[in-house]
């Protein structure tokens, strides 16, 4: 998996990279084939913002969280991303395991089959 890091008004530390990679590896087991991930860490005056975009084969998952501590913001963003991955996986398994029943359409009048 290719992980890109962007630090806006801040430097991305090794500890932050390690935390992000551990969480992304855990989420990748849930989401399936993960192509790439992009982690953006932004610092405004008193706001620490973490935005994570994960692209899989089928869809892309995006989470953005804000806190007063960068590690807390990154943790919250990963938690939101994990919830999205679980929700997507449940949708996929529900569709494949429980298909809609086939509905048989009966003609409105009895002579319709004989005329066709």
PDB file of N, CA and C in Angstrom:
ATOM      1  N   UNK A   1       0.846  -1.168   0.000  1.00  0.00           N
ATOM      2  CA  UNK A   1       0.000   0.000   0.000  1.00  0.00           C
ATOM      3  C   UNK A   1       0.895   1.236   0.000  1.00  0.00           C
ATOM      4  N   UNK A   2       0.553   2.188  -0.835  1.00  0.00           N
ATOM      5  CA  UNK A   2       1.307   3.426  -0.956  1.00  0.00           C
ATOM      6  C   UNK A   2       0.676   4.478  -0.039  1.00  0.00           C
ATOM      7  N   UNK A   3       1.448   4.985   0.918  1.00  0.00           N
ATOM      8  CA  UNK A   3       0.948   5.988   1.863  1.00  0.00           C
ATOM      9  C   UNK A   3       1.714   7.285   1.641  1.00  0.00           C
ATOM     10  N   UNK A   4       0.984   8.368   1.374  1.00  0.00           N
ATOM     11  CA  UNK A   4       1.574   9.692   1.215  1.00  0.00           C
ATOM     12  C   UNK A   4       1.232  10.531   2.438  1.00  0.00           C
ATOM     13  N   UNK A   5       2.192  11.331   2.888  1.00  0.00           N
ATOM     14  CA  UNK A   5       2.001  12.199   4.045  1.00  0.00           C
ATOM     15  C   UNK A   5       2.190  13.634   3.616  1.00  0.00           C
ATOM     16  N   UNK A   6       1.304  14.509   4.095  1.00  0.00           N
ATOM     17  CA  UNK A   6       1.422  15.939   3.841  1.00  0.00           C
ATOM     18  C   UNK A   6       1.250  16.655   5.168  1.00  0.00           C
ATOM     19  N   UNK A   7       2.180  17.535   5.485  1.00  0.00           N
ATOM     20  CA  UNK A   7       2.087  18.347   6.689  1.00  0.00           C
ATOM     21  C   UNK A   7       1.909  19.800   6.308  1.00  0.00           C
ATOM     22  N   UNK A   8       0.817  20.367   6.690  1.00  0.00           N
ATOM     23  CA  UNK A   8       0.551  21.782   6.405  1.00  0.00           C
ATOM     24  C   UNK A   8       0.794  22.580   7.679  1.00  0.00           C
ATOM     25  N   UNK A   9       1.774  23.443   7.638  1.00  0.00           N
ATOM     26  CA  UNK A   9       2.213  24.257   8.772  1.00  0.00           C
ATOM     27  C   UNK A   9       2.753  23.407   9.919  1.00  0.00           C
ATOM     28  N   UNK A  10       3.162  22.202   9.618  1.00  0.00           N
ATOM     29  CA  UNK A  10       3.741  21.323  10.619  1.00  0.00           C
ATOM     30  C   UNK A  10       4.588  20.260   9.922  1.00  0.00           C
ATOM     31  N   UNK A  11       5.442  19.630  10.685  1.00  0.00           N
ATOM     32  CA  UNK A  11       6.232  18.512  10.165  1.00  0.00           C
ATOM     33  C   UNK A  11       5.609  17.212  10.668  1.00  0.00           C
ATOM     34  N   UNK A  12       5.567  16.220   9.802  1.00  0.00           N
ATOM     35  CA  UNK A  12       5.016  14.920  10.172  1.00  0.00           C
ATOM     36  C   UNK A  12       6.128  14.120  10.842  1.00  0.00           C
ATOM     37  N   UNK A  13       5.919  13.776  12.111  1.00  0.00           N
ATOM     38  CA  UNK A  13       6.949  13.088  12.876  1.00  0.00           C
ATOM     39  C   UNK A  13       6.917  11.590  12.602  1.00  0.00           C
ATOM     40  N   UNK A  14       7.967  10.917  13.026  1.00  0.00           N
ATOM     41  CA  UNK A  14       8.067   9.471  12.845  1.00  0.00           C
ATOM     42  C   UNK A  14       6.997   8.761  13.669  1.00  0.00           C
ATOM     43  N   UNK A  15       6.713   9.273  14.850  1.00  0.00           N
ATOM     44  CA  UNK A  15       5.695   8.664  15.705  1.00  0.00           C
ATOM     45  C   UNK A  15       4.311   8.769  15.069  1.00  0.00           C
ATOM     46  N   UNK A  16       4.025   9.894  14.446  1.00  0.00           N
ATOM     47  CA  UNK A  16       2.740  10.059  13.756  1.00  0.00           C
ATOM     48  C   UNK A  16       2.649   9.121  12.552  1.00  0.00           C
ATOM     49  N   UNK A  17       3.739   8.974  11.818  1.00  0.00           N
ATOM     50  CA  UNK A  17       3.760   8.052  10.674  1.00  0.00           C
ATOM     51  C   UNK A  17       3.533   6.616  11.139  1.00  0.00           C
ATOM     52  N   UNK A  18       4.183   6.237  12.237  1.00  0.00           N
ATOM     53  CA  UNK A  18       4.050   4.878  12.751  1.00  0.00           C
ATOM     54  C   UNK A  18       2.615   4.608  13.188  1.00  0.00           C
ATOM     55  N   UNK A  19       2.007   5.584  13.902  1.00  0.00           N
ATOM     56  CA  UNK A  19       0.626   5.427  14.345  1.00  0.00           C
ATOM     57  C   UNK A  19      -0.302   5.301  13.145  1.00  0.00           C
ATOM     58  N   UNK A  20      -0.091   6.129  12.125  1.00  0.00           N
ATOM     59  CA  UNK A  20      -0.949   6.092  10.940  1.00  0.00           C
ATOM     60  C   UNK A  20      -0.797   4.770  10.190  1.00  0.00           C
ATOM     61  N   UNK A  21       0.423   4.287  10.038  1.00  0.00           N
ATOM     62  CA  UNK A  21       0.644   3.044   9.303  1.00  0.00           C
ATOM     63  C   UNK A  21       0.065   1.838  10.032  1.00  0.00           C
ATOM     64  N   UNK A  22       0.149   1.810  11.352  1.00  0.00           N
ATOM     65  CA  UNK A  22      -0.444   0.709  12.114  1.00  0.00           C
ATOM     66  C   UNK A  22      -1.961   0.698  11.948  1.00  0.00           C
ATOM     67  N   UNK A  23      -2.575   1.879  12.063  1.00  0.00           N
ATOM     68  CA  UNK A  23      -4.030   1.962  11.924  1.00  0.00           C
ATOM     69  C   UNK A  23      -4.471   1.640  10.498  1.00  0.00           C
ATOM     70  N   UNK A  24      -3.728   2.122   9.512  1.00  0.00           N
ATOM     71  CA  UNK A  24      -4.085   1.843   8.119  1.00  0.00           C
ATOM     72  C   UNK A  24      -3.946   0.357   7.797  1.00  0.00           C
ATOM     73  N   UNK A  25      -2.969  -0.299   8.391  1.00  0.00           N
ATOM     74  CA  UNK A  25      -2.815  -1.743   8.164  1.00  0.00           C
ATOM     75  C   UNK A  25      -4.002  -2.501   8.740  1.00  0.00           C
ATOM     76  N   UNK A  26      -4.474  -2.081   9.901  1.00  0.00           N
ATOM     77  CA  UNK A  26      -5.635  -2.723  10.516  1.00  0.00           C
ATOM     78  C   UNK A  26      -6.889  -2.490   9.668  1.00  0.00           C
ATOM     79  N   UNK A  27      -7.049  -1.276   9.160  1.00  0.00           N
ATOM     80  CA  UNK A  27      -8.219  -0.956   8.338  1.00  0.00           C
ATOM     81  C   UNK A  27      -8.140  -1.662   6.994  1.00  0.00           C
ATOM     82  N   UNK A  28      -6.926  -1.861   6.473  1.00  0.00           N
ATOM     83  CA  UNK A  28      -6.761  -2.534   5.185  1.00  0.00           C
ATOM     84  C   UNK A  28      -7.234  -3.980   5.249  1.00  0.00           C
ATOM     85  N   UNK A  29      -7.109  -4.619   6.398  1.00  0.00           N
ATOM     86  CA  UNK A  29      -7.609  -5.990   6.519  1.00  0.00           C
ATOM     87  C   UNK A  29      -9.132  -6.017   6.439  1.00  0.00           C
ATOM     88  N   UNK A  30      -9.777  -4.965   6.888  1.00  0.00           N
ATOM     89  CA  UNK A  30     -11.240  -4.893   6.834  1.00  0.00           C
ATOM     90  C   UNK A  30     -11.703  -4.501   5.435  1.00  0.00           C
ATOM     91  N   UNK A  31     -11.062  -3.498   4.853  1.00  0.00           N
ATOM     92  CA  UNK A  31     -11.518  -2.929   3.582  1.00  0.00           C
ATOM     93  C   UNK A  31     -11.195  -3.801   2.383  1.00  0.00           C
ATOM     94  N   UNK A  32     -10.219  -4.657   2.478  1.00  0.00           N
ATOM     95  CA  UNK A  32      -9.854  -5.486   1.327  1.00  0.00           C
ATOM     96  C   UNK A  32      -8.654  -4.899   0.615  1.00  0.00           C
ATOM     97  N   UNK A  33      -8.710  -4.849  -0.700  1.00  0.00           N
ATOM     98  CA  UNK A  33      -7.588  -4.347  -1.493  1.00  0.00           C
ATOM     99  C   UNK A  33      -7.499  -2.828  -1.396  1.00  0.00           C
ATOM    100  N   UNK A  34      -6.488  -2.363  -0.711  1.00  0.00           N
ATOM    101  CA  UNK A  34      -6.262  -0.924  -0.575  1.00  0.00           C
ATOM    102  C   UNK A  34      -5.163  -0.531  -1.545  1.00  0.00           C
ATOM    103  N   UNK A  35      -5.467   0.431  -2.407  1.00  0.00           N
ATOM    104  CA  UNK A  35      -4.505   0.860  -3.414  1.00  0.00           C
ATOM    105  C   UNK A  35      -3.557   1.897  -2.835  1.00  0.00           C
ATOM    106  N   UNK A  36      -4.124   2.948  -2.236  1.00  0.00           N
ATOM    107  CA  UNK A  36      -3.284   4.016  -1.701  1.00  0.00           C
ATOM    108  C   UNK A  36      -3.995   4.720  -0.556  1.00  0.00           C
ATOM    109  N   UNK A  37      -3.214   5.484   0.189  1.00  0.00           N
ATOM    110  CA  UNK A  37      -3.749   6.282   1.288  1.00  0.00           C
ATOM    111  C   UNK A  37      -3.002   7.605   1.322  1.00  0.00           C
ATOM    112  N   UNK A  38      -3.703   8.662   1.722  1.00  0.00           N
ATOM    113  CA  UNK A  38      -3.104   9.982   1.820  1.00  0.00           C
ATOM    114  C   UNK A  38      -3.491  10.557   3.178  1.00  0.00           C
ATOM    115  N   UNK A  39      -2.486  10.897   3.974  1.00  0.00           N
ATOM    116  CA  UNK A  39      -2.689  11.446   5.310  1.00  0.00           C
ATOM    117  C   UNK A  39      -2.255  12.908   5.278  1.00  0.00           C
ATOM    118  N   UNK A  40      -3.182  13.813   5.605  1.00  0.00           N
ATOM    119  CA  UNK A  40      -2.892  15.249   5.624  1.00  0.00           C
ATOM    120  C   UNK A  40      -3.051  15.738   7.062  1.00  0.00           C
ATOM    121  N   UNK A  41      -1.995  16.299   7.611  1.00  0.00           N
ATOM    122  CA  UNK A  41      -2.009  16.847   8.967  1.00  0.00           C
ATOM    123  C   UNK A  41      -1.863  18.360   8.871  1.00  0.00           C
ATOM    124  N   UNK A  42      -2.819  19.087   9.419  1.00  0.00           N
ATOM    125  CA  UNK A  42      -2.853  20.542   9.316  1.00  0.00           C
ATOM    126  C   UNK A  42      -2.896  21.156  10.711  1.00  0.00           C
ATOM    127  N   UNK A  43      -2.151  22.249  10.878  1.00  0.00           N
ATOM    128  CA  UNK A  43      -2.166  22.976  12.144  1.00  0.00           C
ATOM    129  C   UNK A  43      -2.588  24.411  11.866  1.00  0.00           C
ATOM    130  N   UNK A  44      -3.709  24.820  12.476  1.00  0.00           N
ATOM    131  CA  UNK A  44      -4.090  26.219  12.531  1.00  0.00           C
ATOM    132  C   UNK A  44      -3.828  26.646  13.967  1.00  0.00           C
ATOM    133  N   UNK A  45      -4.160  27.852  14.323  1.00  0.00           N
ATOM    134  CA  UNK A  45      -3.771  28.372  15.637  1.00  0.00           C
ATOM    135  C   UNK A  45      -3.896  27.349  16.761  1.00  0.00           C
ATOM    136  N   UNK A  46      -5.129  27.021  17.133  1.00  0.00           N
ATOM    137  CA  UNK A  46      -5.333  26.080  18.227  1.00  0.00           C
ATOM    138  C   UNK A  46      -6.000  24.806  17.748  1.00  0.00           C
ATOM    139  N   UNK A  47      -6.108  24.657  16.438  1.00  0.00           N
ATOM    140  CA  UNK A  47      -6.781  23.490  15.874  1.00  0.00           C
ATOM    141  C   UNK A  47      -5.772  22.565  15.220  1.00  0.00           C
ATOM    142  N   UNK A  48      -5.899  21.304  15.511  1.00  0.00           N
ATOM    143  CA  UNK A  48      -5.084  20.269  14.886  1.00  0.00           C
ATOM    144  C   UNK A  48      -6.049  19.416  14.051  1.00  0.00           C
ATOM    145  N   UNK A  49      -5.842  19.358  12.752  1.00  0.00           N
ATOM    146  CA  UNK A  49      -6.773  18.671  11.858  1.00  0.00           C
ATOM    147  C   UNK A  49      -6.048  17.527  11.167  1.00  0.00           C
ATOM    148  N   UNK A  50      -6.682  16.358  11.187  1.00  0.00           N
ATOM    149  CA  UNK A  50      -6.156  15.187  10.490  1.00  0.00           C
ATOM    150  C   UNK A  50      -7.185  14.748   9.460  1.00  0.00           C
ATOM    151  N   UNK A  51      -6.750  14.624   8.214  1.00  0.00           N
ATOM    152  CA  UNK A  51      -7.623  14.177   7.131  1.00  0.00           C
ATOM    153  C   UNK A  51      -6.965  12.968   6.474  1.00  0.00           C
ATOM    154  N   UNK A  52      -7.720  11.887   6.350  1.00  0.00           N
ATOM    155  CA  UNK A  52      -7.192  10.646   5.797  1.00  0.00           C
ATOM    156  C   UNK A  52      -8.087  10.219   4.642  1.00  0.00           C
ATOM    157  N   UNK A  53      -7.472   9.952   3.488  1.00  0.00           N
ATOM    158  CA  UNK A  53      -8.184   9.455   2.316  1.00  0.00           C
ATOM    159  C   UNK A  53      -7.599   8.100   1.959  1.00  0.00           C
ATOM    160  N   UNK A  54      -8.448   7.099   1.892  1.00  0.00           N
ATOM    161  CA  UNK A  54      -8.004   5.749   1.549  1.00  0.00           C
ATOM    162  C   UNK A  54      -8.758   5.303   0.298  1.00  0.00           C
ATOM    163  N   UNK A  55      -8.005   4.929  -0.727  1.00  0.00           N
ATOM    164  CA  UNK A  55      -8.618   4.482  -1.966  1.00  0.00           C
ATOM    165  C   UNK A  55      -8.495   2.968  -2.069  1.00  0.00           C
ATOM    166  N   UNK A  56      -9.630   2.328  -2.237  1.00  0.00           N
ATOM    167  CA  UNK A  56      -9.657   0.890  -2.444  1.00  0.00           C
ATOM    168  C   UNK A  56     -10.010   0.618  -3.893  1.00  0.00           C
ATOM    169  N   UNK A  57     -10.176  -0.647  -4.203  1.00  0.00           N
ATOM    170  CA  UNK A  57     -10.482  -1.011  -5.577  1.00  0.00           C
ATOM    171  C   UNK A  57     -11.857  -0.495  -5.992  1.00  0.00           C
ATOM    172  N   UNK A  58     -12.820  -0.485  -5.065  1.00  0.00           N
ATOM    173  CA  UNK A  58     -14.184  -0.121  -5.402  1.00  0.00           C
ATOM    174  C   UNK A  58     -14.541   1.329  -5.079  1.00  0.00           C
ATOM    175  N   UNK A  59     -14.112   1.823  -3.942  1.00  0.00           N
ATOM    176  CA  UNK A  59     -14.514   3.158  -3.506  1.00  0.00           C
ATOM    177  C   UNK A  59     -13.371   3.848  -2.789  1.00  0.00           C
ATOM    178  N   UNK A  60     -13.590   5.099  -2.441  1.00  0.00           N
ATOM    179  CA  UNK A  60     -12.596   5.797  -1.636  1.00  0.00           C
ATOM    180  C   UNK A  60     -13.271   6.250  -0.345  1.00  0.00           C
ATOM    181  N   UNK A  61     -12.553   6.100   0.758  1.00  0.00           N
ATOM    182  CA  UNK A  61     -13.054   6.445   2.077  1.00  0.00           C
ATOM    183  C   UNK A  61     -12.316   7.687   2.568  1.00  0.00           C
ATOM    184  N   UNK A  62     -13.072   8.644   3.098  1.00  0.00           N
ATOM    185  CA  UNK A  62     -12.484   9.904   3.538  1.00  0.00           C
ATOM    186  C   UNK A  62     -12.962  10.209   4.953  1.00  0.00           C
ATOM    187  N   UNK A  63     -12.029  10.602   5.818  1.00  0.00           N
ATOM    188  CA  UNK A  63     -12.366  10.997   7.181  1.00  0.00           C
ATOM    189  C   UNK A  63     -11.553  12.229   7.552  1.00  0.00           C
ATOM    190  N   UNK A  64     -12.211  13.169   8.212  1.00  0.00           N
ATOM    191  CA  UNK A  64     -11.544  14.402   8.636  1.00  0.00           C
ATOM    192  C   UNK A  64     -11.985  14.691  10.061  1.00  0.00           C
ATOM    193  N   UNK A  65     -11.018  14.831  10.972  1.00  0.00           N
ATOM    194  CA  UNK A  65     -11.329  15.089  12.375  1.00  0.00           C
ATOM    195  C   UNK A  65     -10.439  16.200  12.910  1.00  0.00           C
ATOM    196  N   UNK A  66     -10.940  16.850  13.923  1.00  0.00           N
ATOM    197  CA  UNK A  66     -10.255  18.001  14.499  1.00  0.00           C
ATOM    198  C   UNK A  66     -10.193  17.846  16.010  1.00  0.00           C
ATOM    199  N   UNK A  67      -9.051  18.207  16.601  1.00  0.00           N
ATOM    200  CA  UNK A  67      -8.874  18.141  18.048  1.00  0.00           C
ATOM    201  C   UNK A  67      -7.805  19.149  18.453  1.00  0.00           C
ATOM    202  N   UNK A  68      -7.536  19.219  19.745  1.00  0.00           N
ATOM    203  CA  UNK A  68      -6.489  20.118  20.221  1.00  0.00           C
ATOM    204  C   UNK A  68      -5.131  19.441  20.233  1.00  0.00           C
ATOM    205  N   UNK A  69      -5.109  18.135  20.035  1.00  0.00           N
ATOM    206  CA  UNK A  69      -3.873  17.357  19.998  1.00  0.00           C
ATOM    207  C   UNK A  69      -3.835  16.598  18.673  1.00  0.00           C
ATOM    208  N   UNK A  70      -2.694  16.587  17.999  1.00  0.00           N
ATOM    209  CA  UNK A  70      -2.607  15.952  16.685  1.00  0.00           C
ATOM    210  C   UNK A  70      -2.799  14.448  16.773  1.00  0.00           C
ATOM    211  N   UNK A  71      -2.287  13.814  17.820  1.00  0.00           N
ATOM    212  CA  UNK A  71      -2.443  12.372  17.950  1.00  0.00           C
ATOM    213  C   UNK A  71      -3.907  11.991  18.160  1.00  0.00           C
ATOM    214  N   UNK A  72      -4.631  12.806  18.925  1.00  0.00           N
ATOM    215  CA  UNK A  72      -6.056  12.557  19.128  1.00  0.00           C
ATOM    216  C   UNK A  72      -6.836  12.756  17.827  1.00  0.00           C
ATOM    217  N   UNK A  73      -6.478  13.786  17.072  1.00  0.00           N
ATOM    218  CA  UNK A  73      -7.151  14.029  15.793  1.00  0.00           C
ATOM    219  C   UNK A  73      -6.897  12.881  14.821  1.00  0.00           C
ATOM    220  N   UNK A  74      -5.658  12.398  14.772  1.00  0.00           N
ATOM    221  CA  UNK A  74      -5.314  11.284  13.889  1.00  0.00           C
ATOM    222  C   UNK A  74      -6.036  10.010  14.317  1.00  0.00           C
ATOM    223  N   UNK A  75      -6.108   9.768  15.619  1.00  0.00           N
ATOM    224  CA  UNK A  75      -6.807   8.590  16.137  1.00  0.00           C
ATOM    225  C   UNK A  75      -8.298   8.645  15.791  1.00  0.00           C
ATOM    226  N   UNK A  76      -8.920   9.816  15.962  1.00  0.00           N
ATOM    227  CA  UNK A  76     -10.343   9.972  15.651  1.00  0.00           C
ATOM    228  C   UNK A  76     -10.608   9.776  14.159  1.00  0.00           C
ATOM    229  N   UNK A  77      -9.735  10.301  13.316  1.00  0.00           N
ATOM    230  CA  UNK A  77      -9.899  10.141  11.872  1.00  0.00           C
ATOM    231  C   UNK A  77      -9.794   8.673  11.475  1.00  0.00           C
ATOM    232  N   UNK A  78      -8.858   7.961  12.078  1.00  0.00           N
ATOM    233  CA  UNK A  78      -8.718   6.537  11.769  1.00  0.00           C
ATOM    234  C   UNK A  78      -9.917   5.741  12.258  1.00  0.00           C
ATOM    235  N   UNK A  79     -10.468   6.128  13.407  1.00  0.00           N
ATOM    236  CA  UNK A  79     -11.656   5.457  13.919  1.00  0.00           C
ATOM    237  C   UNK A  79     -12.848   5.664  12.976  1.00  0.00           C
ATOM    238  N   UNK A  80     -13.005   6.887  12.464  1.00  0.00           N
ATOM    239  CA  UNK A  80     -14.080   7.168  11.507  1.00  0.00           C
ATOM    240  C   UNK A  80     -13.877   6.373  10.220  1.00  0.00           C
ATOM    241  N   UNK A  81     -12.645   6.286   9.778  1.00  0.00           N
ATOM    242  CA  UNK A  81     -12.328   5.529   8.568  1.00  0.00           C
ATOM    243  C   UNK A  81     -12.616   4.040   8.765  1.00  0.00           C
ATOM    244  N   UNK A  82     -12.314   3.528   9.947  1.00  0.00           N
ATOM    245  CA  UNK A  82     -12.592   2.128  10.235  1.00  0.00           C
ATOM    246  C   UNK A  82     -14.093   1.847  10.234  1.00  0.00           C
ATOM    247  N   UNK A  83     -14.881   2.765  10.787  1.00  0.00           N
ATOM    248  CA  UNK A  83     -16.330   2.603  10.778  1.00  0.00           C
ATOM    249  C   UNK A  83     -16.872   2.590   9.351  1.00  0.00           C
ATOM    250  N   UNK A  84     -16.326   3.454   8.497  1.00  0.00           N
ATOM    251  CA  UNK A  84     -16.754   3.471   7.099  1.00  0.00           C
ATOM    252  C   UNK A  84     -16.413   2.162   6.402  1.00  0.00           C
ATOM    253  N   UNK A  85     -15.225   1.631   6.677  1.00  0.00           N
ATOM    254  CA  UNK A  85     -14.806   0.376   6.058  1.00  0.00           C
ATOM    255  C   UNK A  85     -15.698  -0.778   6.506  1.00  0.00           C
ATOM    256  N   UNK A  86     -16.038  -0.809   7.782  1.00  0.00           N
ATOM    257  CA  UNK A  86     -16.925  -1.853   8.293  1.00  0.00           C
ATOM    258  C   UNK A  86     -18.299  -1.733   7.653  1.00  0.00           C
ATOM    259  N   UNK A  87     -18.813  -0.521   7.553  1.00  0.00           N
ATOM    260  CA  UNK A  87     -20.126  -0.298   6.945  1.00  0.00           C
ATOM    261  C   UNK A  87     -20.138  -0.737   5.481  1.00  0.00           C
ATOM    262  N   UNK A  88     -19.088  -0.407   4.731  1.00  0.00           N
ATOM    263  CA  UNK A  88     -18.999  -0.816   3.327  1.00  0.00           C
ATOM    264  C   UNK A  88     -18.918  -2.325   3.203  1.00  0.00           C
ATOM    265  N   UNK A  89     -18.172  -2.967   4.077  1.00  0.00           N
ATOM    266  CA  UNK A  89     -18.050  -4.423   4.029  1.00  0.00           C
ATOM    267  C   UNK A  89     -19.379  -5.093   4.334  1.00  0.00           C
ATOM    268  N   UNK A  90     -20.123  -4.559   5.303  1.00  0.00           N
ATOM    269  CA  UNK A  90     -21.429  -5.114   5.640  1.00  0.00           C
ATOM    270  C   UNK A  90     -22.398  -4.963   4.472  1.00  0.00           C
ATOM    271  N   UNK A  91     -22.353  -3.834   3.792  1.00  0.00           N
ATOM    272  CA  UNK A  91     -23.223  -3.643   2.629  1.00  0.00           C
ATOM    273  C   UNK A  91     -22.907  -4.661   1.544  1.00  0.00           C
ATOM    274  N   UNK A  92     -21.629  -4.868   1.309  1.00  0.00           N
ATOM    275  CA  UNK A  92     -21.223  -5.796   0.256  1.00  0.00           C
ATOM    276  C   UNK A  92     -21.638  -7.224   0.588  1.00  0.00           C
ATOM    277  N   UNK A  93     -21.433  -7.660   1.836  1.00  0.00           N
ATOM    278  CA  UNK A  93     -21.798  -9.031   2.190  1.00  0.00           C
ATOM    279  C   UNK A  93     -23.301  -9.206   2.235  1.00  0.00           C
ATOM    280  N   UNK A  94     -24.040  -8.184   2.604  1.00  0.00           N
ATOM    281  CA  UNK A  94     -25.496  -8.281   2.620  1.00  0.00           C
ATOM    282  C   UNK A  94     -26.024  -8.455   1.203  1.00  0.00           C
ATOM    283  N   UNK A  95     -25.469  -7.729   0.255  1.00  0.00           N
ATOM    284  CA  UNK A  95     -25.939  -7.846  -1.116  1.00  0.00           C
ATOM    285  C   UNK A  95     -25.601  -9.203  -1.715  1.00  0.00           C
ATOM    286  N   UNK A  96     -24.444  -9.748  -1.411  1.00  0.00           N
ATOM    287  CA  UNK A  96     -24.063 -11.018  -2.014  1.00  0.00           C
ATOM    288  C   UNK A  96     -24.713 -12.210  -1.320  1.00  0.00           C
ATOM    289  N   UNK A  97     -24.943 -12.127  -0.037  1.00  0.00           N
ATOM    290  CA  UNK A  97     -25.502 -13.268   0.686  1.00  0.00           C
ATOM    291  C   UNK A  97     -27.024 -13.295   0.687  1.00  0.00           C
ATOM    292  N   UNK A  98     -27.642 -12.141   0.590  1.00  0.00           N
ATOM    293  CA  UNK A  98     -29.091 -12.073   0.641  1.00  0.00           C
ATOM    294  C   UNK A  98     -29.620 -11.348  -0.606  1.00  0.00           C
ATOM    295  N   UNK A  99     -29.592 -12.001  -1.757  1.00  0.00           N
ATOM    296  CA  UNK A  99     -30.095 -11.330  -2.946  1.00  0.00           C
ATOM    297  C   UNK A  99     -31.615 -11.176  -2.864  1.00  0.00           C
ATOM    298  N   UNK A 100     -32.120 -10.257  -3.636  1.00  0.00           N
ATOM    299  CA  UNK A 100     -33.560 -10.041  -3.658  1.00  0.00           C
ATOM    300  C   UNK A 100     -34.231 -11.254  -4.297  1.00  0.00           C
ATOM    301  N   UNK A 101     -35.383 -11.654  -3.757  1.00  0.00           N
ATOM    302  CA  UNK A 101     -36.067 -12.807  -4.352  1.00  0.00           C
ATOM    303  C   UNK A 101     -36.617 -12.453  -5.731  1.00  0.00           C
ATOM    304  N   UNK A 102     -36.613 -13.448  -6.611  1.00  0.00           N
ATOM    305  CA  UNK A 102     -37.134 -13.224  -7.950  1.00  0.00           C
ATOM    306  C   UNK A 102     -38.652 -13.179  -7.878  1.00  0.00           C
ATOM    307  N   UNK A 103     -39.233 -12.198  -8.512  1.00  0.00           N
ATOM    308  CA  UNK A 103     -40.678 -12.036  -8.517  1.00  0.00           C
ATOM    309  C   UNK A 103     -41.201 -12.532  -9.856  1.00  0.00           C
ATOM    310  N   UNK A 104     -42.157 -13.416  -9.815  1.00  0.00           N
ATOM    311  CA  UNK A 104     -42.740 -13.951 -11.034  1.00  0.00           C
ATOM    312  C   UNK A 104     -43.955 -13.107 -11.386  1.00  0.00           C
ATOM    313  N   UNK A 105     -43.973 -12.610 -12.596  1.00  0.00           N
ATOM    314  CA  UNK A 105     -45.066 -11.750 -13.035  1.00  0.00           C
ATOM    315  C   UNK A 105     -46.110 -12.614 -13.734  1.00  0.00           C
ATOM    316  N   UNK A 106     -47.313 -12.582 -13.218  1.00  0.00           N
ATOM    317  CA  UNK A 106     -48.435 -13.302 -13.815  1.00  0.00           C
ATOM    318  C   UNK A 106     -49.181 -12.364 -14.759  1.00  0.00           C
ATOM    319  N   UNK A 107     -49.713 -12.878 -15.857  1.00  0.00           N
ATOM    320  CA  UNK A 107     -50.483 -12.018 -16.766  1.00  0.00           C
ATOM    321  C   UNK A 107     -51.768 -11.550 -16.102  1.00  0.00           C
ATOM    322  N   UNK A 108     -52.251 -10.409 -16.565  1.00  0.00           N
ATOM    323  CA  UNK A 108     -53.443  -9.820 -15.953  1.00  0.00           C
ATOM    324  C   UNK A 108     -54.705 -10.591 -16.304  1.00  0.00           C
ATOM    325  N   UNK A 109     -54.818 -11.141 -17.510  1.00  0.00           N
ATOM    326  CA  UNK A 109     -56.006 -11.897 -17.896  1.00  0.00           C
ATOM    327  C   UNK A 109     -55.581 -13.267 -18.408  1.00  0.00           C
ATOM    328  N   UNK A 110     -56.426 -14.257 -18.324  1.00  0.00           N
ATOM    329  CA  UNK A 110     -56.033 -15.624 -18.640  1.00  0.00           C
ATOM    330  C   UNK A 110     -55.723 -15.851 -20.116  1.00  0.00           C
ATOM    331  N   UNK A 111     -56.296 -15.113 -21.020  1.00  0.00           N
ATOM    332  CA  UNK A 111     -56.077 -15.355 -22.444  1.00  0.00           C
ATOM    333  C   UNK A 111     -54.836 -14.700 -22.976  1.00  0.00           C
ATOM    334  N   UNK A 112     -54.031 -14.029 -22.151  1.00  0.00           N
ATOM    335  CA  UNK A 112     -52.866 -13.294 -22.617  1.00  0.00           C
ATOM    336  C   UNK A 112     -51.787 -14.235 -23.117  1.00  0.00           C
ATOM    337  N   UNK A 113     -51.626 -15.392 -22.480  1.00  0.00           N
ATOM    338  CA  UNK A 113     -50.614 -16.342 -22.909  1.00  0.00           C
ATOM    339  C   UNK A 113     -50.975 -16.985 -24.247  1.00  0.00           C
ATOM    340  N   UNK A 114     -52.227 -17.221 -24.468  1.00  0.00           N
ATOM    341  CA  UNK A 114     -52.659 -17.864 -25.704  1.00  0.00           C
ATOM    342  C   UNK A 114     -52.495 -16.922 -26.908  1.00  0.00           C
ATOM    343  N   UNK A 115     -52.662 -15.629 -26.723  1.00  0.00           N
ATOM    344  CA  UNK A 115     -52.570 -14.670 -27.811  1.00  0.00           C
ATOM    345  C   UNK A 115     -51.111 -14.363 -28.138  1.00  0.00           C
ATOM    346  N   UNK A 116     -50.231 -14.441 -27.156  1.00  0.00           N
ATOM    347  CA  UNK A 116     -48.839 -14.095 -27.393  1.00  0.00           C
ATOM    348  C   UNK A 116     -48.154 -15.192 -28.090  1.00  0.00           C
TER     349      UNK A 116
END
